[in-house]
C-alpha atoms as a PDB file:
ATOM      1  CA  MET A   1      87.761  74.476  83.879  1.00  0.00           C
ATOM      2  CA  LYS A   2      86.263  75.653  87.179  1.00  0.00           C
ATOM      3  CA  LEU A   3      86.406  73.275  90.115  1.00  0.00           C
ATOM      4  CA  ARG A   4      83.139  73.196  92.082  1.00  0.00           C
ATOM      5  CA  ASN A   5      83.543  70.657  94.865  1.00  0.00           C
ATOM      6  CA  ARG A   6      86.007  68.434  96.656  1.00  0.00           C
ATOM      7  CA  GLN A   7      85.025  65.436  94.542  1.00  0.00           C
ATOM      8  CA  GLN A   8      86.564  67.067  91.501  1.00  0.00           C
ATOM      9  CA  PRO A   9      90.361  66.816  91.279  1.00  0.00           C
ATOM     10  CA  THR A  10      92.534  69.843  91.909  1.00  0.00           C
ATOM     11  CA  GLU A  11      95.709  70.658  90.015  1.00  0.00           C
ATOM     12  CA  ARG A  12      97.686  69.227  92.921  1.00  0.00           C
ATOM     13  CA  ASP A  13      95.624  66.024  92.791  1.00  0.00           C
ATOM     14  CA  LEU A  14      96.372  65.556  89.090  1.00  0.00           C
ATOM     15  CA  ALA A  15     100.074  66.199  89.529  1.00  0.00           C
ATOM     16  CA  ALA A  16     100.229  63.755  92.450  1.00  0.00           C
ATOM     17  CA  LEU A  17      98.273  61.145  90.493  1.00  0.00           C
ATOM     18  CA  ALA A  18     100.734  61.453  87.624  1.00  0.00           C
ATOM     19  CA  ASP A  19     103.802  60.920  89.790  1.00  0.00           C
ATOM     20  CA  GLY A  20     102.260  58.264  92.057  1.00  0.00           C
ATOM     21  CA  SER A  21     102.292  60.335  95.255  1.00  0.00           C
ATOM     22  CA  LEU A  22      98.539  60.856  95.643  1.00  0.00           C
ATOM     23  CA  PRO A  23      97.367  59.634  99.101  1.00  0.00           C
ATOM     24  CA  ALA A  24      95.261  56.481  99.093  1.00  0.00           C
ATOM     25  CA  ALA A  25      92.238  58.242 100.582  1.00  0.00           C
ATOM     26  CA  ARG A  26      92.124  60.653  97.653  1.00  0.00           C
ATOM     27  CA  ARG A  27      93.266  58.371  94.850  1.00  0.00           C
ATOM     28  CA  VAL A  28      90.040  56.466  94.121  1.00  0.00           C
ATOM     29  CA  PRO A  29      87.774  59.517  93.612  1.00  0.00           C
ATOM     30  CA  VAL A  30      90.452  61.271  91.572  1.00  0.00           C
ATOM     31  CA  GLU A  31      91.020  58.227  89.358  1.00  0.00           C
ATOM     32  CA  ARG A  32      87.288  57.892  88.792  1.00  0.00           C
ATOM     33  CA  ALA A  33      86.969  61.544  87.850  1.00  0.00           C
ATOM     34  CA  VAL A  34      89.886  61.268  85.438  1.00  0.00           C
ATOM     35  CA  ALA A  35      88.590  58.031  83.918  1.00  0.00           C
ATOM     36  CA  SER A  36      85.282  59.742  83.084  1.00  0.00           C
ATOM     37  CA  SER A  37      86.815  62.912  81.614  1.00  0.00           C
ATOM     38  CA  PRO A  38      88.822  62.964  78.355  1.00  0.00           C
ATOM     39  CA  GLU A  39      90.043  66.446  79.285  1.00  0.00           C
ATOM     40  CA  LEU A  40      91.469  65.281  82.605  1.00  0.00           C
ATOM     41  CA  GLN A  41      92.940  62.180  80.967  1.00  0.00           C
ATOM     42  CA  ALA A  42      94.771  64.414  78.494  1.00  0.00           C
ATOM     43  CA  ILE A  43      96.134  66.550  81.342  1.00  0.00           C
ATOM     44  CA  VAL A  44      97.370  63.564  83.337  1.00  0.00           C
ATOM     45  CA  ALA A  45      98.817  61.913  80.223  1.00  0.00           C
ATOM     46  CA  ALA A  46     100.728  65.093  79.366  1.00  0.00           C
ATOM     47  CA  GLN A  47     102.065  65.279  82.909  1.00  0.00           C
ATOM     48  CA  ARG A  48     103.203  61.656  82.768  1.00  0.00           C
ATOM     49  CA  ARG A  49     104.918  62.179  79.427  1.00  0.00           C
ATOM     50  CA  ALA A  50     106.803  65.056  81.012  1.00  0.00           C
ATOM     51  CA  LEU A  51     107.784  62.902  83.980  1.00  0.00           C
ATOM     52  CA  VAL A  52     108.951  60.118  81.656  1.00  0.00           C
ATOM     53  CA  ALA A  53     111.068  62.642  79.769  1.00  0.00           C
ATOM     54  CA  VAL A  54     112.635  63.872  83.002  1.00  0.00           C
ATOM     55  CA  ASP A  55     113.261  60.288  84.143  1.00  0.00           C
ATOM     56  CA  ALA A  56     114.882  59.434  80.820  1.00  0.00           C
ATOM     57  CA  ALA A  57     117.053  62.524  81.060  1.00  0.00           C
ATOM     58  CA  ALA A  58     118.073  61.615  84.589  1.00  0.00           C
ATOM     59  CA  ARG A  59     119.520  58.335  83.346  1.00  0.00           C
ATOM     60  CA  GLU A  60     122.085  60.142  81.215  1.00  0.00           C
ATOM     61  CA  GLN A  61     125.324  61.757  82.310  1.00  0.00           C
ATOM     62  CA  ALA A  62     125.379  65.556  81.975  1.00  0.00           C
ATOM     63  CA  PRO A  63     128.460  66.723  80.055  1.00  0.00           C
ATOM     64  CA  PRO A  64     130.591  69.540  81.540  1.00  0.00           C
ATOM     65  CA  ALA A  65     129.438  71.940  78.815  1.00  0.00           C
ATOM     66  CA  LEU A  66     125.819  71.439  79.843  1.00  0.00           C
ATOM     67  CA  ARG A  67     126.600  72.125  83.481  1.00  0.00           C
ATOM     68  CA  ALA A  68     128.459  75.292  82.504  1.00  0.00           C
ATOM     69  CA  ARG A  69     125.497  76.382  80.393  1.00  0.00           C
ATOM     70  CA  LEU A  70     123.151  75.853  83.336  1.00  0.00           C
ATOM     71  CA  GLU A  71     125.327  78.073  85.519  1.00  0.00           C
ATOM     72  CA  LEU A  72     125.264  80.812  82.884  1.00  0.00           C
ATOM     73  CA  MET A  73     121.481  80.477  82.471  1.00  0.00           C
ATOM     74  CA  SER A  74     120.808  80.601  86.195  1.00  0.00           C
ATOM     75  CA  GLY A  75     122.611  83.903  86.740  1.00  0.00           C
ATOM     76  CA  PRO A  76     123.324  85.409  90.163  1.00  0.00           C
ATOM     77  CA  PRO A  77     120.885  84.574  92.977  1.00  0.00           C
ATOM     78  CA  ARG A  78     118.241  87.161  93.891  1.00  0.00           C
ATOM     79  CA  ARG A  79     119.042  89.022  97.101  1.00  0.00           C
ATOM     80  CA  ASP A  80     115.696  90.653  97.687  1.00  0.00           C
ATOM     81  CA  ALA A  81     112.379  88.821  97.706  1.00  0.00           C
ATOM     82  CA  ARG A  82     110.770  92.003  96.342  1.00  0.00           C
ATOM     83  CA  GLU A  83     112.598  91.422  93.053  1.00  0.00           C
ATOM     84  CA  ARG A  84     110.622  88.267  92.378  1.00  0.00           C
ATOM     85  CA  PRO A  85     108.241  88.492  89.402  1.00  0.00           C
ATOM     86  CA  PRO A  86     104.525  88.609  90.160  1.00  0.00           C
ATOM     87  CA  LYS A  87     102.902  85.223  90.629  1.00  0.00           C
ATOM     88  CA  ALA A  88     101.207  83.993  87.474  1.00  0.00           C
ATOM     89  CA  ARG A  89      97.464  83.560  87.502  1.00  0.00           C
ATOM     90  CA  SER A  90      96.324  79.972  87.864  1.00  0.00           C
ATOM     91  CA  SER A  91      95.253  78.132  84.740  1.00  0.00           C
ATOM     92  CA  PHE A  92      94.106  74.534  84.597  1.00  0.00           C
ATOM     93  CA  GLY A  93      95.984  72.385  82.101  1.00  0.00           C
ATOM     94  CA  PRO A  94      99.269  70.662  81.280  1.00  0.00           C
ATOM     95  CA  ALA A  95     101.155  73.940  81.020  1.00  0.00           C
ATOM     96  CA  ARG A  96     100.123  74.853  84.586  1.00  0.00           C
ATOM     97  CA  LEU A  97     101.124  71.479  86.000  1.00  0.00           C
ATOM     98  CA  LEU A  98     104.552  71.290  84.375  1.00  0.00           C
ATOM     99  CA  PRO A  99     105.359  74.113  81.898  1.00  0.00           C
ATOM    100  CA  ALA A 100     107.737  73.472  79.028  1.00  0.00           C
ATOM    101  CA  GLY A 101     110.363  75.737  80.619  1.00  0.00           C
ATOM    102  CA  ALA A 102     110.062  73.908  83.919  1.00  0.00           C
ATOM    103  CA  LEU A 103     110.401  70.585  82.147  1.00  0.00           C
ATOM    104  CA  ALA A 104     113.618  71.689  80.485  1.00  0.00           C
ATOM    105  CA  ALA A 105     114.987  72.966  83.774  1.00  0.00           C
ATOM    106  CA  ALA A 106     113.921  69.805  85.586  1.00  0.00           C
ATOM    107  CA  ALA A 107     115.634  67.668  82.976  1.00  0.00           C
ATOM    108  CA  VAL A 108     118.870  69.644  83.361  1.00  0.00           C
ATOM    109  CA  VAL A 109     118.670  69.468  87.158  1.00  0.00           C
ATOM    110  CA  ALA A 110     118.055  65.728  86.947  1.00  0.00           C
ATOM    111  CA  LEU A 111     121.142  65.380  84.781  1.00  0.00           C
ATOM    112  CA  LEU A 112     123.223  67.293  87.290  1.00  0.00           C
ATOM    113  CA  VAL A 113     121.923  65.247  90.203  1.00  0.00           C
ATOM    114  CA  VAL A 114     123.025  62.059  88.475  1.00  0.00           C
ATOM    115  CA  THR A 115     126.404  63.507  87.525  1.00  0.00           C
ATOM    116  CA  LEU A 116     127.268  65.297  90.739  1.00  0.00           C
ATOM    117  CA  GLY A 117     125.515  63.039  93.193  1.00  0.00           C
ATOM    118  CA  GLY A 118     126.652  59.765  91.733  1.00  0.00           C
ATOM    119  CA  GLY A 119     123.194  58.608  90.766  1.00  0.00           C
ATOM    120  CA  GLY A 120     121.272  55.990  92.708  1.00  0.00           C
ATOM    121  CA  VAL A 121     118.570  53.368  92.480  1.00  0.00           C
ATOM    122  CA  SER A 122     115.453  54.819  90.900  1.00  0.00           C
ATOM    123  CA  ALA A 123     111.964  53.909  92.036  1.00  0.00           C
ATOM    124  CA  PRO A 124     110.311  51.001  90.198  1.00  0.00           C
ATOM    125  CA  THR A 125     107.505  51.647  87.726  1.00  0.00           C
ATOM    126  CA  VAL A 126     104.639  49.664  86.262  1.00  0.00           C
ATOM    127  CA  ALA A 127     106.647  49.478  83.040  1.00  0.00           C
ATOM    128  CA  ASP A 128     109.504  47.859  84.997  1.00  0.00           C
ATOM    129  CA  ALA A 129     107.126  45.297  86.496  1.00  0.00           C
ATOM    130  CA  ALA A 130     105.814  44.403  83.048  1.00  0.00           C
ATOM    131  CA  VAL A 131     109.249  42.998  82.163  1.00  0.00           C
ATOM    132  CA  LEU A 132     108.529  40.055  84.469  1.00  0.00           C
ATOM    133  CA  ALA A 133     105.880  38.842  82.019  1.00  0.00           C
ATOM    134  CA  ASP A 134     108.641  37.699  79.662  1.00  0.00           C
ATOM    135  CA  ARG A 135     110.423  35.628  82.298  1.00  0.00           C
ATOM    136  CA  PRO A 136     109.669  31.937  82.866  1.00  0.00           C
ATOM    137  CA  ALA A 137     107.747  30.486  85.767  1.00  0.00           C
ATOM    138  CA  VAL A 138     110.030  28.831  88.327  1.00  0.00           C
ATOM    139  CA  ALA A 139     107.487  26.881  90.376  1.00  0.00           C
ATOM    140  CA  PRO A 140     104.032  25.368  89.933  1.00  0.00           C
ATOM    141  CA  VAL A 141     100.972  27.055  91.373  1.00  0.00           C
ATOM    142  CA  PRO A 142      99.906  25.287  94.599  1.00  0.00           C
ATOM    143  CA  SER A 143      97.084  22.866  93.909  1.00  0.00           C
ATOM    144  CA  GLY A 144      93.538  23.548  95.019  1.00  0.00           C
ATOM    145  CA  ARG A 145      91.893  26.876  95.699  1.00  0.00           C
ATOM    146  CA  LEU A 146      91.815  29.152  98.701  1.00  0.00           C
ATOM    147  CA  THR A 147      88.235  30.150  97.896  1.00  0.00           C
ATOM    148  CA  GLN A 148      85.927  29.715  94.934  1.00  0.00           C
ATOM    149  CA  ALA A 149      87.505  32.785  93.343  1.00  0.00           C
ATOM    150  CA  THR A 150      91.127  32.685  94.528  1.00  0.00           C
ATOM    151  CA  LEU A 151      94.246  30.538  94.267  1.00  0.00           C
ATOM    152  CA  ARG A 152      96.461  29.256  97.072  1.00  0.00           C
ATOM    153  CA  VAL A 153      99.157  31.777  96.234  1.00  0.00           C
ATOM    154  CA  ALA A 154      99.264  35.357  97.487  1.00  0.00           C
ATOM    155  CA  ALA A 155     101.475  38.428  97.633  1.00  0.00           C
ATOM    156  CA  ALA A 156     101.320  41.281 100.149  1.00  0.00           C
ATOM    157  CA  GLY A 157      98.364  39.459 101.714  1.00  0.00           C
ATOM    158  CA  LEU A 158      96.421  39.501  98.441  1.00  0.00           C
ATOM    159  CA  PRO A 159      95.424  36.146  96.911  1.00  0.00           C
ATOM    160  CA  PHE A 160      95.636  35.757  93.160  1.00  0.00           C
ATOM    161  CA  PRO A 161      92.359  35.137  91.311  1.00  0.00           C
ATOM    162  CA  TYR A 162      91.107  31.839  89.920  1.00  0.00           C
ATOM    163  CA  TRP A 163      90.085  32.645  86.327  1.00  0.00           C
ATOM    164  CA  GLU A 164      89.747  29.247  84.701  1.00  0.00           C
ATOM    165  CA  ASP A 165      85.993  28.736  85.091  1.00  0.00           C
ATOM    166  CA  HIS A 166      84.986  32.291  84.217  1.00  0.00           C
ATOM    167  CA  PHE A 167      87.584  33.309  81.614  1.00  0.00           C
ATOM    168  CA  GLY A 168      89.314  30.078  80.605  1.00  0.00           C
ATOM    169  CA  PHE A 169      92.725  31.264  81.852  1.00  0.00           C
ATOM    170  CA  ARG A 170      94.451  28.525  83.854  1.00  0.00           C
ATOM    171  CA  ALA A 171      97.202  29.362  86.350  1.00  0.00           C
ATOM    172  CA  VAL A 172     100.298  27.489  85.190  1.00  0.00           C
ATOM    173  CA  GLY A 173     103.243  28.800  87.215  1.00  0.00           C
ATOM    174  CA  VAL A 174     104.633  31.352  89.626  1.00  0.00           C
ATOM    175  CA  ARG A 175     107.867  33.220  90.254  1.00  0.00           C
ATOM    176  CA  HIS A 176     109.176  35.602  92.927  1.00  0.00           C
ATOM    177  CA  ASP A 177     111.410  38.568  92.136  1.00  0.00           C
ATOM    178  CA  ARG A 178     112.560  41.883  93.538  1.00  0.00           C
ATOM    179  CA  ILE A 179     112.147  45.113  91.553  1.00  0.00           C
ATOM    180  CA  HIS A 180     114.450  47.836  92.852  1.00  0.00           C
ATOM    181  CA  GLY A 181     114.368  46.039  96.199  1.00  0.00           C
ATOM    182  CA  ARG A 182     110.575  45.618  96.257  1.00  0.00           C
ATOM    183  CA  PRO A 183     109.127  42.052  96.436  1.00  0.00           C
ATOM    184  CA  ALA A 184     107.148  41.118  93.328  1.00  0.00           C
ATOM    185  CA  THR A 185     105.196  37.895  92.840  1.00  0.00           C
ATOM    186  CA  THR A 186     103.988  36.872  89.386  1.00  0.00           C
ATOM    187  CA  VAL A 187     101.448  34.204  88.480  1.00  0.00           C
ATOM    188  CA  PHE A 188     101.273  33.126  84.838  1.00  0.00           C
ATOM    189  CA  TYR A 189      97.956  32.197  83.248  1.00  0.00           C
ATOM    190  CA  LYS A 190      97.372  30.480  79.893  1.00  0.00           C
ATOM    191  CA  ARG A 191      94.372  30.051  77.629  1.00  0.00           C
ATOM    192  CA  GLY A 192      95.389  28.065  74.588  1.00  0.00           C
ATOM    193  CA  SER A 193      98.551  29.746  73.297  1.00  0.00           C
ATOM    194  CA  ALA A 194      97.751  33.087  74.967  1.00  0.00           C
ATOM    195  CA  ARG A 195      99.648  33.954  78.128  1.00  0.00           C
ATOM    196  CA  VAL A 196      98.971  36.680  80.712  1.00  0.00           C
ATOM    197  CA  ALA A 197     101.241  37.544  83.641  1.00  0.00           C
ATOM    198  CA  TYR A 198      99.731  38.952  86.832  1.00  0.00           C
ATOM    199  CA  THR A 199     102.265  40.653  89.114  1.00  0.00           C
ATOM    200  CA  ILE A 200     101.646  42.088  92.586  1.00  0.00           C
ATOM    201  CA  VAL A 201     104.361  44.465  93.795  1.00  0.00           C
ATOM    202  CA  SER A 202     104.557  45.013  97.546  1.00  0.00           C
ATOM    203  CA  GLY A 203     104.850  48.483  98.980  1.00  0.00           C
ATOM    204  CA  LYS A 204     103.410  51.813  97.967  1.00  0.00           C
ATOM    205  CA  PRO A 205     101.826  52.106  94.501  1.00  0.00           C
ATOM    206  CA  LEU A 206     104.134  52.334  91.531  1.00  0.00           C
ATOM    207  CA  SER A 207     104.388  55.251  89.163  1.00  0.00           C
ATOM    208  CA  TYR A 208     103.503  54.304  85.602  1.00  0.00           C
ATOM    209  CA  GLY A 209     106.634  54.865  83.541  1.00  0.00           C
ATOM    210  CA  ALA A 210     104.667  55.421  80.319  1.00  0.00           C
ATOM    211  CA  PRO A 211     101.621  57.384  79.093  1.00  0.00           C
ATOM    212  CA  THR A 212      98.339  55.834  80.215  1.00  0.00           C
ATOM    213  CA  SER A 213      94.609  55.929  79.625  1.00  0.00           C
ATOM    214  CA  GLY A 214      92.050  55.069  82.282  1.00  0.00           C
ATOM    215  CA  THR A 215      88.706  53.351  82.528  1.00  0.00           C
ATOM    216  CA  SER A 216      86.397  52.458  85.421  1.00  0.00           C
ATOM    217  CA  ARG A 217      84.546  49.156  85.590  1.00  0.00           C
ATOM    218  CA  ASN A 218      82.867  47.362  88.501  1.00  0.00           C
ATOM    219  CA  GLY A 219      84.133  50.117  90.773  1.00  0.00           C
ATOM    220  CA  VAL A 220      87.751  49.457  89.767  1.00  0.00           C
ATOM    221  CA  VAL A 221      89.822  52.121  88.002  1.00  0.00           C
ATOM    222  CA  VAL A 222      92.177  50.423  85.543  1.00  0.00           C
ATOM    223  CA  TRP A 223      94.993  52.230  83.770  1.00  0.00           C
ATOM    224  CA  THR A 224      96.376  50.805  80.522  1.00  0.00           C
ATOM    225  CA  LEU A 225      99.676  51.461  78.788  1.00  0.00           C
ATOM    226  CA  SER A 226     102.252  49.952  76.455  1.00  0.00           C
ATOM    227  CA  ALA A 227     105.680  48.875  77.693  1.00  0.00           C
ATOM    228  CA  HIS A 228     108.421  46.708  76.190  1.00  0.00           C
ATOM    229  CA  GLY A 229     106.154  45.710  73.304  1.00  0.00           C
ATOM    230  CA  MET A 230     103.449  44.471  75.686  1.00  0.00           C
ATOM    231  CA  ARG A 231      99.933  45.553  76.570  1.00  0.00           C
ATOM    232  CA  VAL A 232      99.751  46.395  80.251  1.00  0.00           C
ATOM    233  CA  ALA A 233      96.957  47.105  82.731  1.00  0.00           C
ATOM    234  CA  THR A 234      97.449  48.281  86.301  1.00  0.00           C
ATOM    235  CA  TRP A 235      95.259  49.080  89.299  1.00  0.00           C
ATOM    236  CA  TRP A 236      95.387  49.184  93.108  1.00  0.00           C
ATOM    237  CA  ARG A 237      94.437  46.491  95.581  1.00  0.00           C
ATOM    238  CA  ARG A 238      94.720  47.629  99.188  1.00  0.00           C
ATOM    239  CA  ASN A 239      97.363  50.190  98.256  1.00  0.00           C
ATOM    240  CA  HIS A 240      99.565  47.710  96.376  1.00  0.00           C
ATOM    241  CA  SER A 241     100.112  47.787  92.620  1.00  0.00           C
ATOM    242  CA  CYS A 242      98.720  44.980  90.482  1.00  0.00           C
ATOM    243  CA  VAL A 243     100.050  44.636  86.940  1.00  0.00           C
ATOM    244  CA  LEU A 244      98.781  42.520  84.042  1.00  0.00           C
ATOM    245  CA  ALA A 245     101.045  42.187  81.009  1.00  0.00           C
ATOM    246  CA  THR A 246     100.679  40.237  77.789  1.00  0.00           C
ATOM    247  CA  ARG A 247     101.686  40.020  74.155  1.00  0.00           C
ATOM    248  CA  ASP A 248      98.764  37.803  73.216  1.00  0.00           C
ATOM    249  CA  VAL A 249      95.400  39.294  74.211  1.00  0.00           C
ATOM    250  CA  PRO A 250      93.799  42.715  73.642  1.00  0.00           C
ATOM    251  CA  VAL A 251      93.621  45.476  76.211  1.00  0.00           C
ATOM    252  CA  SER A 252      89.871  44.930  76.600  1.00  0.00           C
ATOM    253  CA  VAL A 253      90.544  41.442  77.982  1.00  0.00           C
ATOM    254  CA  LEU A 254      93.080  42.827  80.451  1.00  0.00           C
ATOM    255  CA  VAL A 255      90.486  45.311  81.686  1.00  0.00           C
ATOM    256  CA  ASP A 256      87.937  42.488  82.057  1.00  0.00           C
ATOM    257  CA  LEU A 257      90.405  40.454  84.105  1.00  0.00           C
ATOM    258  CA  ALA A 258      91.564  43.372  86.235  1.00  0.00           C
ATOM    259  CA  SER A 259      88.052  44.522  87.123  1.00  0.00           C
ATOM    260  CA  TRP A 260      86.580  41.077  87.825  1.00  0.00           C
ATOM    261  CA  ARG A 261      85.449  40.708  91.433  1.00  0.00           C
ATOM    262  CA  ASP A 262      83.252  37.580  91.208  1.00  0.00           C
ATOM    263  CA  GLY A 263      80.420  39.242  93.054  1.00  0.00           C
ATOM    264  CA  GLY A 264      82.707  40.717  95.700  1.00  0.00           C
ATOM    265  CA  ARG A 265      84.711  37.540  96.421  1.00  0.00           C
ATOM    266  CA  ILE A 266      87.892  39.175  95.121  1.00  0.00           C
ATOM    267  CA  ALA A 267      89.106  41.843  97.549  1.00  0.00           C
ATOM    268  CA  ALA A 268      89.517  45.233  95.928  1.00  0.00           C
END
């Protein structure tokens, strides 16, 4: 596919979107382009599956035999830059972003980093944040409303929405956690027996931790995924990650909730 202008995502944009490193100024137009293109969605999804595979591999200990095999495969280092093979022509697709050979090598390197470097705390993901949906509330939601559309509880300067009048979901409790050292505030909403957890994680946007699909509504790009047996939706508000997770309502409802702005009263 030929790229014609800056509004269309580059290969670097797609790779950065997949791993969560895309700058905020570029993220919105790239997400919108991906959400409107099944081809781009497939590319980003393939990249994320590769990243998930590497992350899963990095959690395991590399056995000595595997390290020895890597040394044999790597061979002696090149001494002359002229010996390098010619640079491959650019092609636009999953194989260009993270080829199968590169994925295998990355997985092995990740294993060795964990084994030789002693491991470390990995970055949190949206899938990690979704786990909070299964935990109980530990405090009531403060009474009253901050505005017509928001509650008197906030995280990272972002107030949580008031959904009861518009959607029938009543805020019933709140809890505060830390995910890999990052503050995370969750408000629980109920409508009948259905429960939805809305978590705001402070700090830079989270990577996804699972394959996603995207949609754009009301100017909001929402990514949906499955994690821990739950339906999950995630999007950005002022460069912080918002996560909805539930076992009780369909993805379409999560998208409705995530993209609701009450005529602009909810800050994007």
